[in-house]
């Protein structure tokens, strides 16, 4: 009798464990990750426009110093010593990268991943698909794990081709996944809290993974280009292109 009870107990235990294991992805995708992203939203949405302006100033200084250093090295064969001080002032910004080949695929949002507030330069919102995310400077994995990232250095909102990339997730409502539901005519709002730039979607297209040309400034002026993968395997790219129709002073 005791043996039968033990067997019955183990049988029930195995069923419970199996159910818990099978339910784990669902719980993570639909409860844990949305909770984490909501917390990030609350943390970033309250950042002042002064903080964003200061971030952009430091990022621009870093990029200018880098360009000057490269130019000096090319001309003299050695780095310009006048740029040494810049490293001290922008040490938190020297990890910015725009290399798409360094981006790792993402199936789960890292549990303890935080937004690097030093890289926060704005927000992107597309109300029709319930998309609202921070825009961070650069395509580092750290950035894309929790937000979107700018695809080129020196981008200015409302000018040239402002390109942003983000991850496609198993949960179609997380990170840049909602971008797949965007249609022509939808409006995208890009803001640095000083001004809001309103873009009207004029084109959506599936692209080959090697179509990096779509983010070039030669593609047009006062446009926005939003890029994500068509699926979590990254087999192709989904592009949303918008044209600036209005600028609002906040």
Protein backbone atom coordinates (compact mmCIF):
# COMPACT_ATOMS: atom_id res chain seq x y z
CA UNK A 1 0.00 0.00 0.00
CA UNK A 2 2.78 2.40 0.91
CA UNK A 3 4.55 1.52 -2.32
CA UNK A 4 1.46 2.38 -4.35
CA UNK A 5 1.15 5.73 -2.56
CA UNK A 6 4.78 6.54 -3.33
CA UNK A 7 4.31 5.67 -7.00
CA UNK A 8 1.15 7.78 -7.15
CA UNK A 9 2.91 10.69 -5.45
CA UNK A 10 5.87 10.51 -7.84
CA UNK A 11 3.52 10.30 -10.82
CA UNK A 12 1.67 13.44 -9.71
CA UNK A 13 4.97 15.18 -8.95
CA UNK A 14 6.32 14.42 -12.43
CA UNK A 15 3.13 15.81 -13.98
CA UNK A 16 3.39 19.02 -11.93
CA UNK A 17 7.07 19.46 -12.79
CA UNK A 18 6.33 18.86 -16.46
CA UNK A 19 3.55 21.44 -16.44
CA UNK A 20 5.80 23.97 -14.73
CA UNK A 21 8.57 23.42 -17.27
CA UNK A 22 6.21 23.71 -20.24
CA UNK A 23 4.58 26.84 -18.79
CA UNK A 24 7.87 28.62 -18.10
CA UNK A 25 8.31 30.17 -21.60
CA UNK A 26 4.72 31.42 -21.53
CA UNK A 27 5.15 32.99 -18.10
CA UNK A 28 8.43 34.63 -19.12
CA UNK A 29 7.10 35.96 -22.44
CA UNK A 30 3.76 37.22 -21.16
CA UNK A 31 4.41 38.27 -17.59
CA UNK A 32 8.04 38.59 -16.53
CA UNK A 33 9.42 40.32 -19.64
CA UNK A 34 6.48 42.76 -20.03
CA UNK A 35 6.86 43.67 -16.35
CA UNK A 36 10.58 44.28 -16.86
CA UNK A 37 9.96 46.46 -19.93
CA UNK A 38 7.28 48.45 -18.11
CA UNK A 39 9.75 49.16 -15.32
CA UNK A 40 12.30 50.37 -17.88
CA UNK A 41 9.64 52.58 -19.47
CA UNK A 42 8.85 54.21 -16.11
CA UNK A 43 12.54 54.81 -15.42
CA UNK A 44 13.32 56.37 -18.79
CA UNK A 45 10.17 58.35 -19.55
CA UNK A 46 10.79 60.63 -16.57
CA UNK A 47 14.29 61.62 -17.67
CA UNK A 48 14.46 65.37 -18.27
CA UNK A 49 15.19 66.95 -21.63
CA UNK A 50 18.21 68.57 -20.00
CA UNK A 51 19.70 65.15 -19.28
CA UNK A 52 19.09 64.02 -22.85
CA UNK A 53 20.63 67.24 -24.18
CA UNK A 54 23.71 66.71 -22.02
CA UNK A 55 23.99 63.09 -23.20
CA UNK A 56 23.90 64.20 -26.83
CA UNK A 57 26.49 66.88 -26.15
CA UNK A 58 28.91 64.37 -24.62
CA UNK A 59 28.29 61.80 -27.35
CA UNK A 60 28.93 64.41 -30.05
CA UNK A 61 32.12 65.48 -28.26
CA UNK A 62 33.30 61.88 -28.16
CA UNK A 63 32.59 61.35 -31.84
CA UNK A 64 34.30 64.61 -32.80
CA UNK A 65 37.35 63.78 -30.71
CA UNK A 66 37.49 60.33 -32.28
CA UNK A 67 37.33 61.82 -35.77
CA UNK A 68 40.03 64.35 -34.88
CA UNK A 69 42.23 61.63 -33.43
CA UNK A 70 41.89 59.49 -36.54
CA UNK A 71 42.63 62.48 -38.75
CA UNK A 72 45.68 63.36 -36.68
CA UNK A 73 46.93 59.78 -36.78
CA UNK A 74 46.51 59.64 -40.54
CA UNK A 75 48.38 62.91 -41.01
CA UNK A 76 51.15 62.51 -38.46
CA UNK A 77 51.34 58.81 -37.79
CA UNK A 78 50.57 59.39 -34.09
CA UNK A 79 47.46 60.19 -32.10
CA UNK A 80 46.81 63.81 -31.19
CA UNK A 81 47.81 64.39 -27.55
CA UNK A 82 45.26 67.21 -27.33
CA UNK A 83 42.50 64.60 -27.33
CA UNK A 84 43.69 62.85 -24.16
CA UNK A 85 41.51 65.07 -21.97
CA UNK A 86 38.44 64.03 -23.90
CA UNK A 87 38.87 60.45 -22.69
CA UNK A 88 38.54 61.65 -19.11
CA UNK A 89 35.35 63.57 -19.81
CA UNK A 90 33.62 60.89 -21.89
CA UNK A 91 34.87 57.66 -20.37
CA UNK A 92 31.30 56.36 -20.02
CA UNK A 93 30.68 56.81 -23.74
CA UNK A 94 33.65 55.04 -25.30
CA UNK A 95 31.84 51.70 -25.65
CA UNK A 96 29.42 53.00 -28.30
CA UNK A 97 29.40 50.85 -31.42
CA UNK A 98 27.51 51.01 -34.71
CA UNK A 99 28.64 47.61 -36.01
CA UNK A 100 25.58 45.46 -36.89
CA UNK A 101 27.76 42.35 -37.21
CA UNK A 102 28.43 42.49 -33.47
CA UNK A 103 24.73 42.25 -32.58
CA UNK A 104 23.80 38.95 -30.95
CA UNK A 105 20.39 37.35 -31.44
CA UNK A 106 17.97 37.72 -28.53
CA UNK A 107 15.20 35.35 -27.46
CA UNK A 108 14.90 36.54 -23.86
CA UNK A 109 15.31 39.98 -22.32
CA UNK A 110 18.12 39.65 -19.74
CA UNK A 111 16.53 39.69 -16.29
CA UNK A 112 18.89 42.20 -14.74
CA UNK A 113 19.66 44.28 -17.83
CA UNK A 114 19.36 48.00 -17.17
CA UNK A 115 19.25 50.99 -19.51
CA UNK A 116 22.52 52.88 -19.76
CA UNK A 117 21.15 56.35 -19.11
CA UNK A 118 24.32 57.91 -20.54
CA UNK A 119 23.24 56.70 -23.99
CA UNK A 120 19.61 57.88 -23.81
CA UNK A 121 18.95 60.33 -26.68
CA UNK A 122 15.18 60.13 -27.12
CA UNK A 123 12.06 58.05 -27.61
CA UNK A 124 10.20 56.50 -30.52
CA UNK A 125 6.45 56.02 -30.46
CA UNK A 126 4.00 54.55 -32.98
CA UNK A 127 0.54 54.65 -31.35
CA UNK A 128 -1.21 52.49 -33.96
CA UNK A 129 0.81 49.43 -32.89
CA UNK A 130 1.36 50.37 -29.23
CA UNK A 131 5.09 50.85 -29.71
CA UNK A 132 6.95 53.16 -27.33
CA UNK A 133 10.64 52.67 -26.61
CA UNK A 134 13.72 54.60 -25.55
CA UNK A 135 16.22 55.44 -28.28
CA UNK A 136 19.81 54.83 -27.20
CA UNK A 137 22.99 55.84 -28.99
CA UNK A 138 24.60 52.94 -30.86
CA UNK A 139 23.97 49.30 -31.71
CA UNK A 140 25.54 47.65 -28.68
CA UNK A 141 23.93 44.49 -27.34
CA UNK A 142 23.51 46.30 -24.03
CA UNK A 143 21.32 48.89 -25.77
CA UNK A 144 19.29 46.55 -27.96
CA UNK A 145 18.53 44.15 -25.10
CA UNK A 146 16.20 46.74 -23.57
CA UNK A 147 15.55 49.47 -26.17
CA UNK A 148 16.30 50.64 -29.71
CA UNK A 149 19.62 51.93 -30.99
CA UNK A 150 20.78 54.52 -33.50
CA UNK A 151 22.50 52.97 -36.51
CA UNK A 152 24.97 55.74 -37.42
CA UNK A 153 27.08 58.29 -35.56
CA UNK A 154 26.15 61.96 -35.75
CA UNK A 155 22.46 61.50 -36.47
CA UNK A 156 20.13 64.46 -35.86
CA UNK A 157 16.40 64.11 -35.41
CA UNK A 158 14.44 65.71 -38.22
CA UNK A 159 17.44 65.76 -40.56
CA UNK A 160 18.75 63.45 -43.28
CA UNK A 161 18.04 59.73 -42.72
CA UNK A 162 17.56 59.01 -39.02
CA UNK A 163 18.00 55.23 -38.70
CA UNK A 164 17.00 53.13 -35.69
CA UNK A 165 17.18 49.36 -35.12
CA UNK A 166 15.67 47.01 -32.55
CA UNK A 167 15.09 43.33 -31.81
CA UNK A 168 12.18 41.13 -32.89
CA UNK A 169 11.03 39.05 -29.90
CA UNK A 170 8.89 35.91 -29.37
CA UNK A 171 6.35 38.19 -27.69
CA UNK A 172 5.07 40.31 -30.59
CA UNK A 173 4.48 43.27 -28.26
CA UNK A 174 8.02 43.59 -26.89
CA UNK A 175 10.94 45.71 -28.10
CA UNK A 176 10.71 46.39 -31.87
CA UNK A 177 8.39 43.44 -32.64
CA UNK A 178 5.31 45.72 -33.07
CA UNK A 179 7.11 47.29 -36.04
CA UNK A 180 5.95 44.27 -38.08
CA UNK A 181 2.36 45.55 -37.79
CA UNK A 182 3.09 49.08 -39.02
CA UNK A 183 1.35 50.10 -42.24
CA UNK A 184 1.65 52.94 -44.72
CA UNK A 185 -0.02 56.04 -43.37
CA UNK A 186 0.76 55.30 -39.72
CA UNK A 187 2.49 58.06 -37.76
CA UNK A 188 5.79 57.71 -35.91
CA UNK A 189 6.77 60.21 -33.22
CA UNK A 190 10.46 60.74 -32.51
CA UNK A 191 11.37 63.04 -29.63
CA UNK A 192 14.31 64.29 -27.60
CA UNK A 193 11.81 66.00 -25.24
CA UNK A 194 12.84 69.37 -26.68
CA UNK A 195 11.04 68.78 -29.96
CA UNK A 196 8.82 66.03 -31.33
CA UNK A 197 9.30 65.02 -34.96
CA UNK A 198 6.25 63.50 -36.61
CA UNK A 199 6.87 61.13 -39.51
CA UNK A 200 4.27 59.58 -41.80
CA UNK A 201 5.04 56.03 -42.93
CA UNK A 202 5.46 56.00 -46.70
CA UNK A 203 6.96 52.55 -47.22
CA UNK A 204 7.36 49.11 -45.64
CA UNK A 205 9.56 46.41 -47.14
CA UNK A 206 11.18 43.04 -46.45
CA UNK A 207 14.92 43.29 -47.07
CA UNK A 208 17.87 40.97 -47.43
CA UNK A 209 20.09 40.93 -44.35
CA UNK A 210 22.88 42.65 -46.30
CA UNK A 211 20.85 45.71 -47.33
CA UNK A 212 22.73 48.20 -45.20
CA UNK A 213 22.35 50.83 -47.91
CA UNK A 214 18.83 51.72 -46.73
CA UNK A 215 20.21 53.62 -43.72
CA UNK A 216 22.50 55.85 -45.80
CA UNK A 217 21.79 59.57 -45.87
CA UNK A 218 21.68 59.35 -49.66
CA UNK A 219 18.29 57.62 -49.29
CA UNK A 220 16.66 60.99 -48.67
CA UNK A 221 16.33 64.04 -46.43
CA UNK A 222 14.08 64.39 -43.38
CA UNK A 223 13.22 60.71 -43.30
CA UNK A 224 13.27 58.00 -40.66
CA UNK A 225 14.27 54.38 -41.24
CA UNK A 226 13.25 51.74 -38.70
CA UNK A 227 14.76 48.26 -38.93
CA UNK A 228 14.05 44.94 -37.21
CA UNK A 229 14.29 41.26 -38.09
CA UNK A 230 11.30 39.58 -39.72
CA UNK A 231 11.50 36.77 -37.15
CA UNK A 232 13.51 35.75 -34.09
CA UNK A 233 15.91 33.79 -36.32
CA UNK A 234 16.88 36.93 -38.23
CA UNK A 235 16.32 35.41 -41.66
CA UNK A 236 15.47 38.79 -43.22
CA UNK A 237 14.94 42.43 -42.28
CA UNK A 238 11.76 44.48 -42.03
CA UNK A 239 12.07 48.15 -42.90
CA UNK A 240 9.66 50.96 -42.13
CA UNK A 241 10.36 54.28 -43.85
CA UNK A 242 8.73 57.55 -42.81
CA UNK A 243 8.78 61.14 -44.09
CA UNK A 244 8.85 64.14 -41.74
CA UNK A 245 5.54 66.02 -41.87
CA UNK A 246 5.64 68.12 -38.73
CA UNK A 247 7.93 69.37 -35.95
CA UNK A 248 6.43 70.26 -32.57
CA UNK A 249 8.16 72.36 -29.92
CA UNK A 250 7.59 70.70 -26.55
